[in-house]
Amino acid sequence: MRGAVAVAIAVLCAPLFAQRPKPAVELLLRDGVGVVEGRLKARQQRTYSVTPSGHTLSLELAGEPMRSVGVEVYDPDGLRVLLIKEGAGRWTSPLSKHGAFEIAVVRTTPSAPPSTYRLRVVVR
């Protein structure tokens, strides 16, 4: 009986201990440029919020180990933004909406050692 109660408590409490995404951190732009650095492990991701006042969003992402992090962008309506690859670790996208965009740096290889990254955002 005690075992059943312990299992029931563990099942009911599991959602309380699950890893939740952290709220978006505001990325401040100076002269249209913002840079952030961070570290992720396992299945973590870090989300940044930016309110651009331009027509083009450019991203540069560098990470170690190589190919262990990626980037996703969501418009103010929560729809994923199509990024145009400009080169290794560089993307652009025209901005057709006004408001806060979310940029998520995500782990692409959860089994790799912890990743460090540097994200540069440029709005023109």
N, C-alpha and C. Protein backbone atom coordinates (compact mmCIF):
# COMPACT_ATOMS: atom_id res chain seq x y z
N MET A 1 0.83 -1.20 0.00
CA MET A 1 0.00 0.00 0.00
C MET A 1 0.87 1.26 0.00
N ARG A 2 1.93 1.27 0.84
CA ARG A 2 2.80 2.44 0.89
C ARG A 2 3.46 2.69 -0.45
N GLY A 3 3.84 1.60 -1.13
CA GLY A 3 4.47 1.72 -2.44
C GLY A 3 3.54 2.38 -3.45
N ALA A 4 2.26 2.02 -3.41
CA ALA A 4 1.29 2.59 -4.33
C ALA A 4 1.10 4.08 -4.06
N VAL A 5 1.09 4.45 -2.80
CA VAL A 5 0.93 5.86 -2.42
C VAL A 5 2.16 6.66 -2.89
N ALA A 6 3.34 6.09 -2.69
CA ALA A 6 4.56 6.77 -3.11
C ALA A 6 4.58 6.96 -4.62
N VAL A 7 4.16 5.95 -5.37
CA VAL A 7 4.12 6.06 -6.83
C VAL A 7 3.10 7.12 -7.25
N ALA A 8 1.95 7.14 -6.61
CA ALA A 8 0.91 8.12 -6.94
C ALA A 8 1.40 9.54 -6.67
N ILE A 9 2.09 9.74 -5.56
CA ILE A 9 2.63 11.07 -5.23
C ILE A 9 3.68 11.47 -6.26
N ALA A 10 4.56 10.54 -6.63
CA ALA A 10 5.60 10.84 -7.62
C ALA A 10 4.99 11.21 -8.96
N VAL A 11 3.96 10.50 -9.38
CA VAL A 11 3.32 10.79 -10.67
C VAL A 11 2.63 12.15 -10.63
N LEU A 12 1.96 12.46 -9.54
CA LEU A 12 1.24 13.73 -9.43
C LEU A 12 2.18 14.93 -9.30
N CYS A 13 3.35 14.73 -8.70
CA CYS A 13 4.28 15.82 -8.49
C CYS A 13 5.28 16.00 -9.63
N ALA A 14 5.38 15.04 -10.54
CA ALA A 14 6.36 15.11 -11.63
C ALA A 14 6.26 16.40 -12.43
N PRO A 15 5.04 16.88 -12.78
CA PRO A 15 4.99 18.13 -13.54
C PRO A 15 5.57 19.33 -12.78
N LEU A 16 5.56 19.28 -11.47
CA LEU A 16 6.11 20.39 -10.70
C LEU A 16 7.62 20.48 -10.82
N PHE A 17 8.28 19.34 -11.06
CA PHE A 17 9.73 19.31 -11.13
C PHE A 17 10.26 19.26 -12.55
N ALA A 18 9.38 19.21 -13.52
CA ALA A 18 9.80 19.18 -14.93
C ALA A 18 10.49 20.49 -15.28
N GLN A 19 11.47 20.40 -16.18
CA GLN A 19 12.21 21.60 -16.57
C GLN A 19 11.34 22.45 -17.49
N ARG A 20 11.04 23.64 -17.07
CA ARG A 20 10.22 24.55 -17.86
C ARG A 20 11.11 25.54 -18.57
N PRO A 21 10.69 25.97 -19.77
CA PRO A 21 11.51 26.97 -20.44
C PRO A 21 11.52 28.28 -19.64
N LYS A 22 12.67 28.91 -19.63
CA LYS A 22 12.77 30.19 -18.94
C LYS A 22 12.04 31.24 -19.76
N PRO A 23 11.48 32.26 -19.09
CA PRO A 23 10.82 33.32 -19.86
C PRO A 23 11.84 34.05 -20.74
N ALA A 24 11.34 34.65 -21.79
CA ALA A 24 12.21 35.35 -22.74
C ALA A 24 12.94 36.50 -22.04
N VAL A 25 14.22 36.61 -22.35
CA VAL A 25 15.05 37.69 -21.84
C VAL A 25 15.05 38.79 -22.90
N GLU A 26 14.82 40.01 -22.48
CA GLU A 26 14.79 41.11 -23.44
C GLU A 26 16.21 41.38 -23.96
N LEU A 27 16.33 41.40 -25.27
CA LEU A 27 17.60 41.69 -25.92
C LEU A 27 17.58 43.16 -26.35
N LEU A 28 18.41 43.95 -25.72
CA LEU A 28 18.45 45.38 -26.02
C LEU A 28 19.36 45.62 -27.22
N LEU A 29 18.89 46.43 -28.15
CA LEU A 29 19.65 46.77 -29.34
C LEU A 29 20.21 48.18 -29.20
N ARG A 30 21.50 48.32 -29.49
CA ARG A 30 22.13 49.65 -29.52
C ARG A 30 22.53 49.90 -30.96
N ASP A 31 21.99 50.95 -31.53
CA ASP A 31 22.22 51.26 -32.94
C ASP A 31 21.88 50.06 -33.82
N GLY A 32 20.83 49.32 -33.43
CA GLY A 32 20.35 48.20 -34.22
C GLY A 32 21.11 46.90 -34.02
N VAL A 33 22.03 46.85 -33.04
CA VAL A 33 22.85 45.64 -32.84
C VAL A 33 22.76 45.20 -31.38
N GLY A 34 22.62 43.89 -31.20
CA GLY A 34 22.61 43.31 -29.86
C GLY A 34 23.39 42.00 -29.86
N VAL A 35 24.12 41.73 -28.79
CA VAL A 35 24.93 40.52 -28.69
C VAL A 35 24.67 39.88 -27.33
N VAL A 36 24.48 38.55 -27.35
CA VAL A 36 24.32 37.79 -26.11
C VAL A 36 25.19 36.54 -26.18
N GLU A 37 25.60 36.07 -25.02
CA GLU A 37 26.38 34.83 -24.93
C GLU A 37 25.74 33.98 -23.86
N GLY A 38 25.89 32.66 -24.00
CA GLY A 38 25.31 31.79 -23.00
C GLY A 38 25.86 30.38 -23.08
N ARG A 39 25.30 29.54 -22.22
CA ARG A 39 25.72 28.14 -22.13
C ARG A 39 24.47 27.30 -21.95
N LEU A 40 24.37 26.21 -22.73
CA LEU A 40 23.22 25.31 -22.67
C LEU A 40 23.71 23.88 -22.52
N LYS A 41 22.88 23.05 -21.88
CA LYS A 41 23.20 21.62 -21.80
C LYS A 41 21.92 20.83 -22.02
N ALA A 42 22.09 19.53 -22.29
CA ALA A 42 20.98 18.60 -22.51
C ALA A 42 19.99 19.17 -23.53
N ARG A 43 18.72 19.33 -23.14
CA ARG A 43 17.69 19.83 -24.06
C ARG A 43 17.30 21.27 -23.76
N GLN A 44 18.18 22.02 -23.15
CA GLN A 44 17.87 23.41 -22.81
C GLN A 44 17.75 24.27 -24.05
N GLN A 45 17.07 25.38 -23.87
CA GLN A 45 17.04 26.43 -24.88
C GLN A 45 16.93 27.76 -24.14
N ARG A 46 17.33 28.83 -24.78
CA ARG A 46 17.24 30.16 -24.20
C ARG A 46 16.52 31.04 -25.20
N THR A 47 15.52 31.77 -24.73
CA THR A 47 14.71 32.60 -25.61
C THR A 47 14.92 34.07 -25.29
N TYR A 48 15.10 34.85 -26.35
CA TYR A 48 15.30 36.29 -26.24
C TYR A 48 14.17 37.01 -26.96
N SER A 49 13.77 38.13 -26.42
CA SER A 49 12.72 38.94 -27.02
C SER A 49 13.34 40.23 -27.54
N VAL A 50 13.00 40.58 -28.78
CA VAL A 50 13.52 41.79 -29.39
C VAL A 50 12.39 42.47 -30.15
N THR A 51 12.31 43.79 -30.01
CA THR A 51 11.31 44.57 -30.73
C THR A 51 12.04 45.42 -31.75
N PRO A 52 12.18 44.91 -32.98
CA PRO A 52 12.96 45.61 -34.00
C PRO A 52 12.23 46.82 -34.58
N SER A 53 13.01 47.81 -34.95
CA SER A 53 12.45 48.99 -35.63
C SER A 53 13.17 49.15 -36.96
N GLY A 54 13.08 48.12 -37.77
CA GLY A 54 13.72 48.13 -39.08
C GLY A 54 13.00 47.19 -40.01
N HIS A 55 13.63 46.90 -41.14
CA HIS A 55 12.99 46.07 -42.16
C HIS A 55 13.64 44.71 -42.34
N THR A 56 14.87 44.53 -41.82
CA THR A 56 15.59 43.28 -41.99
C THR A 56 16.21 42.85 -40.68
N LEU A 57 16.05 41.56 -40.37
CA LEU A 57 16.66 40.96 -39.19
C LEU A 57 17.79 40.07 -39.66
N SER A 58 18.99 40.28 -39.13
CA SER A 58 20.15 39.44 -39.45
C SER A 58 20.65 38.80 -38.16
N LEU A 59 20.99 37.50 -38.25
CA LEU A 59 21.47 36.75 -37.10
C LEU A 59 22.80 36.11 -37.42
N GLU A 60 23.69 36.11 -36.44
CA GLU A 60 24.96 35.38 -36.53
C GLU A 60 25.06 34.55 -35.26
N LEU A 61 25.23 33.23 -35.42
CA LEU A 61 25.32 32.34 -34.27
C LEU A 61 26.58 31.50 -34.36
N ALA A 62 27.39 31.56 -33.32
CA ALA A 62 28.59 30.73 -33.21
C ALA A 62 28.43 29.89 -31.96
N GLY A 63 28.75 28.60 -32.07
CA GLY A 63 28.61 27.72 -30.92
C GLY A 63 29.72 26.69 -30.86
N GLU A 64 30.01 26.25 -29.64
CA GLU A 64 30.98 25.17 -29.39
C GLU A 64 30.32 24.16 -28.48
N PRO A 65 30.41 22.89 -28.75
CA PRO A 65 30.99 22.27 -29.92
C PRO A 65 30.22 22.66 -31.19
N MET A 66 30.89 22.54 -32.31
CA MET A 66 30.29 22.92 -33.58
C MET A 66 28.99 22.15 -33.82
N ARG A 67 28.03 22.81 -34.41
CA ARG A 67 26.73 22.25 -34.78
C ARG A 67 25.93 21.71 -33.59
N SER A 68 26.20 22.22 -32.40
CA SER A 68 25.44 21.76 -31.23
C SER A 68 24.31 22.71 -30.85
N VAL A 69 24.26 23.89 -31.50
CA VAL A 69 23.18 24.85 -31.24
C VAL A 69 22.61 25.35 -32.56
N GLY A 70 21.35 25.75 -32.50
CA GLY A 70 20.67 26.32 -33.67
C GLY A 70 19.83 27.50 -33.22
N VAL A 71 19.16 28.13 -34.17
CA VAL A 71 18.37 29.31 -33.85
C VAL A 71 17.01 29.20 -34.53
N GLU A 72 15.97 29.67 -33.83
CA GLU A 72 14.62 29.74 -34.36
C GLU A 72 14.08 31.12 -34.03
N VAL A 73 13.29 31.69 -34.94
CA VAL A 73 12.71 33.02 -34.74
C VAL A 73 11.20 32.92 -34.89
N TYR A 74 10.47 33.60 -33.99
CA TYR A 74 9.01 33.61 -34.01
C TYR A 74 8.52 35.05 -34.07
N ASP A 75 7.52 35.30 -34.92
CA ASP A 75 6.99 36.65 -35.07
C ASP A 75 6.06 36.99 -33.91
N PRO A 76 5.53 38.23 -33.85
CA PRO A 76 4.67 38.63 -32.73
C PRO A 76 3.42 37.76 -32.57
N ASP A 77 2.99 37.07 -33.64
CA ASP A 77 1.82 36.19 -33.55
C ASP A 77 2.20 34.77 -33.13
N GLY A 78 3.50 34.51 -32.90
CA GLY A 78 3.95 33.20 -32.49
C GLY A 78 4.24 32.25 -33.64
N LEU A 79 4.21 32.76 -34.88
CA LEU A 79 4.50 31.93 -36.04
C LEU A 79 5.99 31.92 -36.32
N ARG A 80 6.50 30.76 -36.72
CA ARG A 80 7.93 30.64 -37.01
C ARG A 80 8.28 31.44 -38.25
N VAL A 81 9.38 32.17 -38.17
CA VAL A 81 9.85 33.03 -39.26
C VAL A 81 10.81 32.22 -40.14
N LEU A 82 10.63 32.33 -41.45
CA LEU A 82 11.53 31.67 -42.38
C LEU A 82 12.83 32.46 -42.45
N LEU A 83 13.94 31.78 -42.16
CA LEU A 83 15.26 32.42 -42.20
C LEU A 83 15.97 32.04 -43.49
N ILE A 84 16.59 33.01 -44.12
CA ILE A 84 17.35 32.79 -45.34
C ILE A 84 18.82 32.64 -44.96
N LYS A 85 19.41 31.49 -45.28
CA LYS A 85 20.80 31.22 -44.93
C LYS A 85 21.73 32.07 -45.79
N GLU A 86 22.59 32.82 -45.15
CA GLU A 86 23.55 33.69 -45.83
C GLU A 86 24.94 33.08 -45.87
N GLY A 87 25.19 32.13 -45.00
CA GLY A 87 26.50 31.50 -44.88
C GLY A 87 26.52 30.68 -43.61
N ALA A 88 27.68 30.17 -43.26
CA ALA A 88 27.80 29.36 -42.04
C ALA A 88 27.47 30.20 -40.81
N GLY A 89 26.40 29.83 -40.13
CA GLY A 89 26.01 30.53 -38.90
C GLY A 89 25.44 31.91 -39.11
N ARG A 90 24.96 32.21 -40.33
CA ARG A 90 24.40 33.55 -40.62
C ARG A 90 23.09 33.42 -41.39
N TRP A 91 22.07 34.17 -40.93
CA TRP A 91 20.76 34.16 -41.56
C TRP A 91 20.19 35.57 -41.59
N THR A 92 19.25 35.80 -42.52
CA THR A 92 18.51 37.06 -42.57
C THR A 92 17.04 36.75 -42.80
N SER A 93 16.21 37.74 -42.51
CA SER A 93 14.78 37.63 -42.78
C SER A 93 14.20 39.03 -42.88
N PRO A 94 13.34 39.26 -43.89
CA PRO A 94 12.64 40.54 -43.94
C PRO A 94 11.61 40.59 -42.81
N LEU A 95 11.41 41.77 -42.26
CA LEU A 95 10.43 41.94 -41.18
C LEU A 95 9.18 42.59 -41.75
N SER A 96 8.08 41.86 -41.72
CA SER A 96 6.83 42.39 -42.27
C SER A 96 5.82 42.74 -41.19
N LYS A 97 6.13 42.44 -39.93
CA LYS A 97 5.22 42.72 -38.82
C LYS A 97 5.92 43.59 -37.80
N HIS A 98 5.10 44.29 -37.02
CA HIS A 98 5.62 45.12 -35.94
C HIS A 98 5.30 44.44 -34.62
N GLY A 99 6.20 44.58 -33.66
CA GLY A 99 6.00 44.00 -32.34
C GLY A 99 7.21 43.21 -31.90
N ALA A 100 7.02 42.46 -30.82
CA ALA A 100 8.12 41.70 -30.22
C ALA A 100 8.30 40.36 -30.92
N PHE A 101 9.51 40.10 -31.37
CA PHE A 101 9.89 38.83 -31.96
C PHE A 101 10.64 38.03 -30.90
N GLU A 102 10.52 36.71 -30.95
CA GLU A 102 11.27 35.87 -30.04
C GLU A 102 12.32 35.09 -30.83
N ILE A 103 13.53 35.08 -30.30
CA ILE A 103 14.64 34.36 -30.91
C ILE A 103 15.07 33.29 -29.91
N ALA A 104 14.98 32.03 -30.33
CA ALA A 104 15.33 30.92 -29.44
C ALA A 104 16.64 30.28 -29.90
N VAL A 105 17.59 30.19 -28.98
CA VAL A 105 18.81 29.43 -29.22
C VAL A 105 18.55 28.05 -28.62
N VAL A 106 18.62 27.02 -29.47
CA VAL A 106 18.25 25.67 -29.06
C VAL A 106 19.41 24.70 -29.24
N ARG A 107 19.43 23.69 -28.42
CA ARG A 107 20.43 22.62 -28.56
C ARG A 107 19.98 21.70 -29.69
N THR A 108 20.88 21.37 -30.60
CA THR A 108 20.56 20.46 -31.70
C THR A 108 21.06 19.05 -31.42
N THR A 109 21.98 18.91 -30.48
CA THR A 109 22.51 17.60 -30.11
C THR A 109 22.51 17.48 -28.59
N PRO A 110 21.39 17.03 -28.01
CA PRO A 110 21.28 16.97 -26.54
C PRO A 110 22.33 16.11 -25.87
N SER A 111 22.89 15.13 -26.59
CA SER A 111 23.86 14.23 -25.96
C SER A 111 25.28 14.79 -25.98
N ALA A 112 25.51 15.89 -26.70
CA ALA A 112 26.85 16.49 -26.77
C ALA A 112 27.20 17.14 -25.43
N PRO A 113 28.48 17.42 -25.22
CA PRO A 113 28.87 18.16 -24.01
C PRO A 113 28.17 19.53 -24.00
N PRO A 114 28.12 20.21 -22.86
CA PRO A 114 27.47 21.51 -22.81
C PRO A 114 27.96 22.44 -23.93
N SER A 115 27.04 23.25 -24.44
CA SER A 115 27.34 24.17 -25.54
C SER A 115 27.48 25.59 -25.03
N THR A 116 28.44 26.30 -25.58
CA THR A 116 28.52 27.74 -25.37
C THR A 116 28.17 28.39 -26.70
N TYR A 117 27.56 29.56 -26.65
CA TYR A 117 27.18 30.23 -27.89
C TYR A 117 27.32 31.74 -27.77
N ARG A 118 27.38 32.35 -28.93
CA ARG A 118 27.39 33.82 -29.05
C ARG A 118 26.43 34.15 -30.19
N LEU A 119 25.41 34.94 -29.87
CA LEU A 119 24.39 35.34 -30.85
C LEU A 119 24.47 36.84 -31.06
N ARG A 120 24.62 37.22 -32.32
CA ARG A 120 24.64 38.65 -32.69
C ARG A 120 23.40 38.92 -33.54
N VAL A 121 22.62 39.91 -33.14
CA VAL A 121 21.39 40.29 -33.83
C VAL A 121 21.57 41.69 -34.38
N VAL A 122 21.26 41.85 -35.67
CA VAL A 122 21.37 43.16 -36.32
C VAL A 122 20.03 43.47 -36.98
N VAL A 123 19.49 44.65 -36.74
CA VAL A 123 18.26 45.11 -37.38
C VAL A 123 18.56 46.35 -38.18
N ARG A 124 18.22 46.32 -39.47
CA ARG A 124 18.41 47.48 -40.35
C ARG A 124 17.13 47.82 -41.04
